[in-house]
């Protein structure tokens, strides 16, 4: 009887023991066994394309129900607005996050590191020097600087870090001489300084990813690494504030030169390729949709209609408005796009003038300039008003692209076509005279017989 009672108590004890073992933390059962760590690289300049990539990567980690996300940082900094978006992505995920500085986390990179739940740093790495600057490389306005310092301080406080060091990274007015950041200098922390008990910013100093995982008791965890696609690489490059004006300039120059060239050639191809790359990159990054591309196409069509209708009217105004509007619609920043459009417009005008003046008499540019010249000795007549020419017929002495010269009853007259390209020798008829502007259209053999 006693033996049976002992056996029953032993069975109960073993059942309780096995039940408790099942509820033991994963760190006790094994170093990260059955856990998943998602590693996301944060490399090069912080910009809008990076924000789009990180948003996708974090969503993938959440769908995979990862147990931790490690952001591997190696960045010199970048755009403040993009850094703010990335910080929001880090803060909004329910998955615990660790920022692992593999090389450097400067400027906006330091802000991203402070936004993570934990910070790890490799030996000989550094983070800090986060003063905000404007597009010219100078210190930003007091208003922008104050807002940025507040962001740095809030990022530190939200993760129970001493905000004075974050403030010193962004504000040269904070005096920390013990860390080479006296008044007028920005704070940059080494790995050992960040991990010191006094600063307490870095929880780990790890030689490698494997070392970090081991210290975090995740040595046996499954590791998934986010890969940036080729399209996202292009998007990161295209959405750079330094690349956008270049693409727009090349696009505008190409289309301007193509408009004055017969047929469709290399200028138009380069122009459309540059503008297409702009829209493609912004669509991949999530800033543009097909509506922006459609509006741009409508704008080009309106400009072509205006080009083939002499004078500057409603089609030209609407076309320019549609093209510019599509660019702003596809941009992540009104200020960046305003500067880019202005620079592109100036570059296009200067380049077009230089190419016409410098290369107008040779190479493909000769198509843009009237090569033939006519003097008064040859019978060329210029008149302030030639209403007498209205309805008269003649022959093109030069190609009309759309300007050129025609022969009308022995007179050589400077004219412009009604928008169509005409070859030398084509029959023409004067359809409109506006002061010294004589407009002609093609005159077919059929019309000649009917007349």
Protein backbone atom coordinates (compact mmCIF):
# COMPACT_ATOMS: atom_id res chain seq x y z
CA UNK A 1 0.00 0.00 0.00
CA UNK A 2 2.80 2.37 0.95
CA UNK A 3 4.68 1.45 -2.21
CA UNK A 4 1.65 2.22 -4.34
CA UNK A 5 1.25 5.63 -2.65
CA UNK A 6 4.93 6.42 -3.32
CA UNK A 7 4.55 5.43 -6.95
CA UNK A 8 1.57 7.74 -7.36
CA UNK A 9 3.42 10.68 -5.80
CA UNK A 10 6.44 10.00 -8.02
CA UNK A 11 4.22 10.02 -11.11
CA UNK A 12 2.64 13.33 -10.04
CA UNK A 13 6.09 14.83 -9.38
CA UNK A 14 7.40 13.77 -12.78
CA UNK A 15 4.30 15.16 -14.51
CA UNK A 16 4.79 18.53 -12.81
CA UNK A 17 8.49 18.51 -13.70
CA UNK A 18 7.81 17.86 -17.39
CA UNK A 19 5.10 20.54 -17.44
CA UNK A 20 7.50 23.13 -15.98
CA UNK A 21 10.20 22.15 -18.48
CA UNK A 22 7.82 22.83 -21.34
CA UNK A 23 7.32 26.38 -20.05
CA UNK A 24 10.99 27.15 -19.50
CA UNK A 25 12.34 30.14 -21.50
CA UNK A 26 14.05 29.43 -24.77
CA UNK A 27 17.30 30.76 -23.29
CA UNK A 28 17.25 27.91 -20.76
CA UNK A 29 16.29 25.24 -23.27
CA UNK A 30 18.98 26.32 -25.71
CA UNK A 31 20.72 29.45 -26.99
CA UNK A 32 17.94 30.70 -29.23
CA UNK A 33 16.69 27.28 -30.28
CA UNK A 34 13.49 27.55 -32.38
CA UNK A 35 13.85 31.34 -32.59
CA UNK A 36 14.26 33.50 -35.68
CA UNK A 37 16.42 36.60 -36.05
CA UNK A 38 15.88 38.93 -39.01
CA UNK A 39 18.97 40.91 -40.08
CA UNK A 40 18.41 44.10 -42.10
CA UNK A 41 21.42 46.00 -43.54
CA UNK A 42 21.38 49.80 -43.19
CA UNK A 43 24.26 50.89 -45.38
CA UNK A 44 25.44 53.99 -47.24
CA UNK A 45 23.48 57.25 -47.23
CA UNK A 46 20.15 57.50 -45.45
CA UNK A 47 17.56 58.53 -48.07
CA UNK A 48 13.99 57.86 -49.12
CA UNK A 49 14.88 54.75 -51.10
CA UNK A 50 16.39 53.22 -47.94
CA UNK A 51 13.19 53.99 -46.04
CA UNK A 52 11.13 52.08 -48.60
CA UNK A 53 13.49 49.08 -48.41
CA UNK A 54 13.45 49.00 -44.61
CA UNK A 55 9.66 49.26 -44.51
CA UNK A 56 9.36 46.21 -46.78
CA UNK A 57 11.97 44.30 -44.78
CA UNK A 58 10.31 44.97 -41.42
CA UNK A 59 6.96 43.88 -42.85
CA UNK A 60 8.58 40.62 -43.99
CA UNK A 61 10.03 40.08 -40.51
CA UNK A 62 6.60 40.63 -38.96
CA UNK A 63 4.97 38.21 -41.41
CA UNK A 64 7.64 35.63 -40.54
CA UNK A 65 6.95 36.24 -36.83
CA UNK A 66 10.64 36.88 -36.16
CA UNK A 67 11.72 37.02 -32.53
CA UNK A 68 14.19 39.87 -33.05
CA UNK A 69 15.31 42.30 -35.74
CA UNK A 70 18.96 43.34 -35.95
CA UNK A 71 19.72 46.46 -38.00
CA UNK A 72 23.37 46.34 -39.11
CA UNK A 73 24.42 49.98 -39.43
CA UNK A 74 27.21 51.36 -41.58
CA UNK A 75 26.15 54.84 -42.65
CA UNK A 76 27.63 58.36 -42.66
CA UNK A 77 24.14 59.84 -42.27
CA UNK A 78 21.79 61.41 -44.76
CA UNK A 79 18.41 63.06 -45.12
CA UNK A 80 16.63 64.09 -41.93
CA UNK A 81 13.14 63.39 -43.29
CA UNK A 82 14.13 59.88 -44.40
CA UNK A 83 15.72 59.22 -41.00
CA UNK A 84 12.47 60.27 -39.34
CA UNK A 85 10.49 57.81 -41.47
CA UNK A 86 12.90 54.98 -40.70
CA UNK A 87 12.83 55.75 -36.98
CA UNK A 88 9.03 55.54 -37.08
CA UNK A 89 9.26 52.14 -38.77
CA UNK A 90 11.63 50.92 -36.03
CA UNK A 91 9.47 52.31 -33.23
CA UNK A 92 6.18 50.95 -34.58
CA UNK A 93 7.20 47.32 -34.95
CA UNK A 94 6.25 45.01 -32.09
CA UNK A 95 9.40 42.92 -32.61
CA UNK A 96 12.35 43.72 -30.28
CA UNK A 97 15.07 45.60 -32.20
CA UNK A 98 18.83 45.87 -31.94
CA UNK A 99 21.02 48.36 -33.80
CA UNK A 100 24.43 46.79 -34.48
CA UNK A 101 27.01 49.36 -35.59
CA UNK A 102 29.42 47.43 -37.81
CA UNK A 103 31.47 50.42 -39.07
CA UNK A 104 29.89 53.77 -38.26
CA UNK A 105 26.56 55.36 -37.32
CA UNK A 106 27.11 59.05 -37.89
CA UNK A 107 24.59 61.89 -38.06
CA UNK A 108 21.21 60.42 -39.07
CA UNK A 109 22.71 56.97 -38.48
CA UNK A 110 23.16 57.80 -34.79
CA UNK A 111 19.49 58.78 -34.63
CA UNK A 112 18.52 55.40 -36.07
CA UNK A 113 20.71 53.59 -33.54
CA UNK A 114 19.10 55.50 -30.67
CA UNK A 115 15.65 54.52 -31.97
CA UNK A 116 16.33 50.79 -31.47
CA UNK A 117 15.59 48.95 -28.23
CA UNK A 118 19.25 47.93 -27.85
CA UNK A 119 22.56 49.09 -29.30
CA UNK A 120 25.54 46.88 -30.10
CA UNK A 121 28.83 48.10 -31.53
CA UNK A 122 31.81 46.39 -33.08
CA UNK A 123 35.23 47.37 -31.65
CA UNK A 124 36.77 50.50 -33.20
CA UNK A 125 33.40 51.79 -34.42
CA UNK A 126 31.79 55.11 -33.53
CA UNK A 127 28.47 56.94 -33.48
CA UNK A 128 27.46 60.59 -33.16
CA UNK A 129 28.24 63.94 -34.87
CA UNK A 130 24.59 64.47 -35.74
CA UNK A 131 24.23 68.20 -36.35
CA UNK A 132 21.69 68.88 -39.10
CA UNK A 133 22.98 70.79 -42.14
CA UNK A 134 21.32 72.36 -45.17
CA UNK A 135 21.80 71.52 -48.84
CA UNK A 136 24.90 73.74 -49.01
CA UNK A 137 26.67 71.93 -46.19
CA UNK A 138 26.16 74.76 -43.69
CA UNK A 139 24.44 74.55 -40.32
CA UNK A 140 20.66 74.53 -40.72
CA UNK A 141 18.36 77.22 -39.35
CA UNK A 142 17.87 77.51 -35.59
CA UNK A 143 14.33 76.19 -36.00
CA UNK A 144 15.43 73.07 -37.87
CA UNK A 145 18.35 72.55 -35.49
CA UNK A 146 16.11 72.80 -32.43
CA UNK A 147 13.65 70.27 -33.86
CA UNK A 148 16.45 67.83 -34.66
CA UNK A 149 17.98 68.09 -31.18
CA UNK A 150 14.55 67.35 -29.72
CA UNK A 151 14.26 64.26 -31.92
CA UNK A 152 17.65 63.01 -30.73
CA UNK A 153 16.77 63.59 -27.08
CA UNK A 154 13.37 61.91 -27.44
CA UNK A 155 14.95 58.88 -29.13
CA UNK A 156 17.36 58.47 -26.21
CA UNK A 157 14.73 58.98 -23.51
CA UNK A 158 12.24 56.59 -25.14
CA UNK A 159 14.76 53.77 -24.58
CA UNK A 160 15.85 54.85 -21.07
CA UNK A 161 19.17 56.35 -22.17
CA UNK A 162 20.74 59.49 -20.70
CA UNK A 163 19.64 62.24 -23.14
CA UNK A 164 22.62 64.52 -22.47
CA UNK A 165 24.88 62.47 -24.73
CA UNK A 166 22.32 62.41 -27.54
CA UNK A 167 21.93 66.17 -27.19
CA UNK A 168 25.71 66.64 -27.32
CA UNK A 169 25.81 64.66 -30.59
CA UNK A 170 23.47 67.20 -32.23
CA UNK A 171 24.16 70.45 -30.36
CA UNK A 172 27.72 71.86 -30.28
CA UNK A 173 26.65 74.07 -27.38
CA UNK A 174 26.66 71.13 -24.95
CA UNK A 175 29.97 70.95 -23.08
CA UNK A 176 31.39 67.42 -22.55
CA UNK A 177 35.18 67.91 -22.55
CA UNK A 178 35.82 64.45 -21.10
CA UNK A 179 34.56 62.99 -24.37
CA UNK A 180 36.41 65.34 -26.76
CA UNK A 181 33.25 67.42 -27.13
CA UNK A 182 33.94 70.76 -25.54
CA UNK A 183 31.68 73.70 -26.29
CA UNK A 184 31.53 74.22 -30.04
CA UNK A 185 32.24 70.56 -30.84
CA UNK A 186 29.91 67.65 -31.55
CA UNK A 187 30.06 64.43 -29.54
CA UNK A 188 31.21 61.22 -31.21
CA UNK A 189 31.29 58.11 -29.01
CA UNK A 190 33.63 55.17 -29.50
CA UNK A 191 32.36 51.66 -28.86
CA UNK A 192 34.04 51.45 -25.45
CA UNK A 193 32.69 54.87 -24.43
CA UNK A 194 29.17 53.99 -25.55
CA UNK A 195 29.31 50.74 -23.56
CA UNK A 196 30.78 52.34 -20.43
CA UNK A 197 28.73 52.36 -17.25
CA UNK A 198 28.65 56.17 -17.23
CA UNK A 199 27.21 56.53 -20.74
CA UNK A 200 25.32 53.23 -20.98
CA UNK A 201 24.32 53.56 -24.63
CA UNK A 202 25.62 50.21 -25.95
CA UNK A 203 24.52 46.96 -24.36
CA UNK A 204 27.02 44.85 -26.31
CA UNK A 205 30.46 45.09 -27.92
CA UNK A 206 30.68 42.28 -30.48
CA UNK A 207 33.38 41.39 -32.98
CA UNK A 208 30.90 39.86 -35.41
CA UNK A 209 27.26 39.01 -35.94
CA UNK A 210 27.88 35.53 -34.55
CA UNK A 211 29.51 36.99 -31.45
CA UNK A 212 26.56 39.31 -30.94
CA UNK A 213 24.03 36.49 -31.30
CA UNK A 214 25.99 34.40 -28.81
CA UNK A 215 26.01 37.23 -26.26
CA UNK A 216 22.26 37.65 -26.74
CA UNK A 217 21.67 33.90 -26.17
CA UNK A 218 20.57 33.56 -29.79
CA UNK A 219 23.50 31.52 -31.05
CA UNK A 220 21.26 28.69 -32.27
CA UNK A 221 18.57 30.96 -33.72
CA UNK A 222 17.66 30.78 -37.40
CA UNK A 223 19.00 33.88 -39.16
CA UNK A 224 17.17 35.45 -42.10
CA UNK A 225 18.91 38.30 -43.93
CA UNK A 226 16.96 40.88 -45.92
CA UNK A 227 18.32 41.37 -49.43
CA UNK A 228 17.86 44.59 -51.35
CA UNK A 229 16.63 43.92 -54.88
CA UNK A 230 18.11 45.43 -58.04
CA UNK A 231 15.00 47.58 -58.43
CA UNK A 232 15.38 48.88 -54.87
CA UNK A 233 19.06 49.62 -55.51
CA UNK A 234 18.01 51.72 -58.51
CA UNK A 235 15.30 53.39 -56.44
CA UNK A 236 17.82 54.32 -53.73
CA UNK A 237 20.08 55.92 -56.34
CA UNK A 238 17.31 57.66 -58.27
CA UNK A 239 15.66 59.18 -55.19
CA UNK A 240 18.89 60.84 -54.06
CA UNK A 241 18.47 64.66 -53.95
CA UNK A 242 21.75 64.90 -55.85
CA UNK A 243 20.69 62.58 -58.68
CA UNK A 244 17.17 63.93 -59.29
CA UNK A 245 18.27 67.26 -60.89
CA UNK A 246 20.76 65.38 -63.10
CA UNK A 247 18.07 63.03 -64.43
CA UNK A 248 15.65 65.90 -65.02
CA UNK A 249 18.32 67.99 -66.75
CA UNK A 250 19.30 65.18 -69.11
CA UNK A 251 15.63 64.46 -69.79
CA UNK A 252 14.77 68.07 -70.59
CA UNK A 253 17.83 68.62 -72.77
CA UNK A 254 17.16 65.44 -74.72
CA UNK A 255 13.53 66.30 -75.41
CA UNK A 256 14.29 69.91 -76.34
CA UNK A 257 16.88 68.84 -78.90
CA UNK A 258 14.65 66.07 -80.24
CA UNK A 259 11.75 68.45 -80.85
CA UNK A 260 13.82 70.36 -83.41
CA UNK A 261 15.21 67.25 -85.08
CA UNK A 262 13.31 65.36 -87.79
CA UNK A 263 12.13 61.89 -86.87
CA UNK A 264 12.98 60.29 -83.55
CA UNK A 265 16.61 59.73 -82.63
CA UNK A 266 19.22 59.53 -79.92
CA UNK A 267 18.28 62.81 -78.19
CA UNK A 268 14.71 61.71 -77.61
CA UNK A 269 15.78 58.24 -76.51
CA UNK A 270 18.20 59.60 -73.91
CA UNK A 271 15.66 62.14 -72.69
CA UNK A 272 12.85 59.63 -72.29
CA UNK A 273 15.21 57.08 -70.68
CA UNK A 274 16.29 59.62 -68.05
CA UNK A 275 12.75 60.67 -67.25
CA UNK A 276 11.59 57.06 -67.29
CA UNK A 277 14.32 56.19 -64.78
CA UNK A 278 13.12 59.04 -62.56
CA UNK A 279 9.54 57.76 -62.53
CA UNK A 280 10.57 54.10 -62.23
CA UNK A 281 12.72 54.75 -59.16
CA UNK A 282 10.07 56.85 -57.46
CA UNK A 283 7.39 54.25 -58.19
CA UNK A 284 9.53 51.45 -56.71
CA UNK A 285 10.19 53.59 -53.64
CA UNK A 286 6.44 54.12 -53.27
CA UNK A 287 6.35 57.87 -53.92
CA UNK A 288 4.86 57.84 -57.42
CA UNK A 289 1.95 56.05 -59.01
CA UNK A 290 0.78 55.53 -62.55
CA UNK A 291 -1.31 58.70 -62.30
CA UNK A 292 1.88 60.79 -62.19
CA UNK A 293 3.29 59.00 -65.21
CA UNK A 294 -0.02 59.42 -67.05
CA UNK A 295 -0.09 63.14 -66.28
CA UNK A 296 3.46 63.48 -67.60
CA UNK A 297 2.46 61.75 -70.84
CA UNK A 298 -0.52 64.07 -71.24
CA UNK A 299 1.80 67.03 -70.72
CA UNK A 300 4.16 65.85 -73.46
CA UNK A 301 1.28 65.38 -75.88
CA UNK A 302 -0.01 68.90 -75.18
CA UNK A 303 3.45 70.35 -75.76
CA UNK A 304 3.74 68.50 -79.08
CA UNK A 305 0.35 69.87 -80.12
CA UNK A 306 1.51 73.36 -79.20
CA UNK A 307 4.72 72.90 -81.18
CA UNK A 308 2.81 72.03 -84.34
CA UNK A 309 0.46 75.00 -83.89
CA UNK A 310 2.36 78.28 -84.48
CA UNK A 311 2.25 80.70 -81.58
CA UNK A 312 2.19 80.07 -77.84
CA UNK A 313 -1.25 79.29 -76.47
CA UNK A 314 -3.32 77.23 -74.14
CA UNK A 315 -1.81 73.87 -75.17
CA UNK A 316 1.69 75.01 -74.25
CA UNK A 317 0.62 76.39 -70.88
CA UNK A 318 -1.37 73.28 -70.02
CA UNK A 319 1.47 71.03 -71.22
CA UNK A 320 4.10 72.72 -69.07
CA UNK A 321 1.73 72.68 -66.10
CA UNK A 322 1.04 68.96 -66.55
CA UNK A 323 4.72 68.03 -66.85
CA UNK A 324 5.79 70.07 -63.82
CA UNK A 325 2.75 68.89 -61.86
CA UNK A 326 3.57 65.24 -62.57
CA UNK A 327 7.10 65.73 -61.23
CA UNK A 328 5.84 67.25 -57.98
CA UNK A 329 3.16 64.57 -57.71
CA UNK A 330 5.86 61.90 -57.88
CA UNK A 331 8.27 63.55 -55.46
CA UNK A 332 8.77 62.82 -51.76
CA UNK A 333 9.66 66.47 -51.04
CA UNK A 334 8.25 69.68 -52.51
CA UNK A 335 11.42 71.61 -51.67
CA UNK A 336 13.73 69.00 -53.24
CA UNK A 337 11.63 68.90 -56.40
CA UNK A 338 11.39 72.71 -56.63
CA UNK A 339 15.17 73.00 -56.50
CA UNK A 340 15.61 70.10 -58.94
CA UNK A 341 13.17 71.52 -61.51
CA UNK A 342 14.79 74.97 -61.30
CA UNK A 343 18.29 73.53 -61.75
CA UNK A 344 17.13 71.30 -64.60
CA UNK A 345 15.45 74.20 -66.40
CA UNK A 346 18.55 76.39 -66.14
CA UNK A 347 20.82 73.53 -67.23
CA UNK A 348 18.59 72.71 -70.19
CA UNK A 349 18.54 76.31 -71.41
CA UNK A 350 22.29 76.77 -71.03
CA UNK A 351 23.12 73.42 -72.64
CA UNK A 352 20.75 74.00 -75.55
CA UNK A 353 22.26 77.42 -76.28
CA UNK A 354 25.83 76.14 -75.99
CA UNK A 355 25.16 73.17 -78.27
CA UNK A 356 23.37 75.22 -80.91
CA UNK A 357 26.03 77.95 -80.94
CA UNK A 358 29.03 75.67 -80.58
CA UNK A 359 28.01 72.73 -82.73
CA UNK A 360 25.35 74.16 -84.96
CA UNK A 361 27.37 73.82 -88.17
CA UNK A 362 28.54 70.27 -87.76
CA UNK A 363 27.38 66.88 -86.59
CA UNK A 364 23.81 66.09 -85.70
CA UNK A 365 23.24 69.63 -84.45
CA UNK A 366 23.23 70.92 -88.02
CA UNK A 367 19.65 69.70 -88.20
CA UNK A 368 18.70 72.42 -85.73
CA UNK A 369 20.20 75.35 -87.61
CA UNK A 370 19.44 76.71 -91.07
CA UNK A 371 22.66 76.17 -93.02
CA UNK A 372 21.86 78.17 -96.17
CA UNK A 373 22.30 81.94 -96.22
CA UNK A 374 20.89 84.37 -98.74
CA UNK A 375 22.04 87.89 -99.51
CA UNK A 376 20.23 90.78 -101.16
CA UNK A 377 22.45 90.32 -104.23
CA UNK A 378 20.85 86.93 -104.74
CA UNK A 379 17.39 88.42 -104.64
CA UNK A 380 16.51 87.81 -101.00
CA UNK A 381 13.85 90.29 -99.88
CA UNK A 382 12.83 91.06 -96.32
CA UNK A 383 9.72 93.08 -95.79
CA UNK A 384 8.04 94.44 -92.71
CA UNK A 385 4.71 93.16 -94.00
CA UNK A 386 4.09 90.82 -96.93
CA UNK A 387 0.32 90.56 -97.02
CA UNK A 388 0.70 90.39 -100.77
CA UNK A 389 2.10 86.87 -100.38
CA UNK A 390 -1.09 85.45 -98.86
CA UNK A 391 -2.35 82.55 -100.98
CA UNK A 392 0.64 82.56 -103.33
CA UNK A 393 2.52 79.37 -104.11
CA UNK A 394 6.19 78.53 -104.38
CA UNK A 395 8.93 75.95 -103.86
CA UNK A 396 11.06 75.22 -100.77
CA UNK A 397 14.68 76.23 -101.35
CA UNK A 398 15.80 74.67 -98.05
CA UNK A 399 14.39 72.08 -95.68
CA UNK A 400 11.77 73.66 -93.39
CA UNK A 401 12.47 72.42 -89.80
CA UNK A 402 10.19 74.36 -89.37
CA UNK A 403 11.97 77.52 -90.60
CA UNK A 404 13.65 77.93 -93.95
CA UNK A 405 13.41 79.73 -97.28
CA UNK A 406 11.12 79.36 -100.30
CA UNK A 407 11.06 80.72 -103.82
CA UNK A 408 7.86 82.56 -104.78
CA UNK A 409 7.85 83.93 -108.32
CA UNK A 410 11.60 84.45 -108.24
CA UNK A 411 11.75 85.94 -104.74
CA UNK A 412 13.51 84.13 -101.90
CA UNK A 413 11.34 84.49 -98.82
CA UNK A 414 12.12 83.54 -95.21
CA UNK A 415 9.19 81.44 -93.96
CA UNK A 416 8.04 79.00 -91.30
CA UNK A 417 5.97 75.89 -91.94
CA UNK A 418 2.64 75.23 -90.26
CA UNK A 419 4.35 72.65 -88.07
CA UNK A 420 5.14 69.97 -90.63
CA UNK A 421 8.68 69.21 -91.75
CA UNK A 422 9.15 69.93 -95.45
CA UNK A 423 12.00 68.90 -97.71
CA UNK A 424 13.85 70.99 -100.21
CA UNK A 425 11.89 71.15 -103.47
CA UNK A 426 8.46 70.64 -101.90
CA UNK A 427 5.63 72.80 -103.25
CA UNK A 428 4.20 75.21 -100.67
CA UNK A 429 1.45 77.79 -100.32
CA UNK A 430 1.33 80.85 -98.04
CA UNK A 431 -1.60 80.41 -95.63
CA UNK A 432 -0.94 83.16 -93.10
CA UNK A 433 1.06 86.39 -92.80
CA UNK A 434 1.65 87.86 -89.34
CA UNK A 435 3.83 90.93 -89.74
CA UNK A 436 7.16 89.58 -90.95
CA UNK A 437 6.14 86.01 -90.15
CA UNK A 438 5.13 84.11 -93.28
CA UNK A 439 3.51 80.72 -92.67
CA UNK A 440 3.33 78.11 -95.41
CA UNK A 441 1.80 74.67 -95.81
CA UNK A 442 2.48 71.83 -98.27
CA UNK A 443 0.81 72.30 -101.64
CA UNK A 444 0.05 69.01 -103.41
CA UNK A 445 -0.25 68.30 -107.12
CA UNK A 446 -3.92 67.47 -106.58
CA UNK A 447 -4.60 70.94 -105.18
CA UNK A 448 -2.73 72.44 -108.11
CA UNK A 449 -4.90 70.62 -110.65
CA UNK A 450 -8.09 71.63 -108.82
CA UNK A 451 -7.02 75.26 -108.81
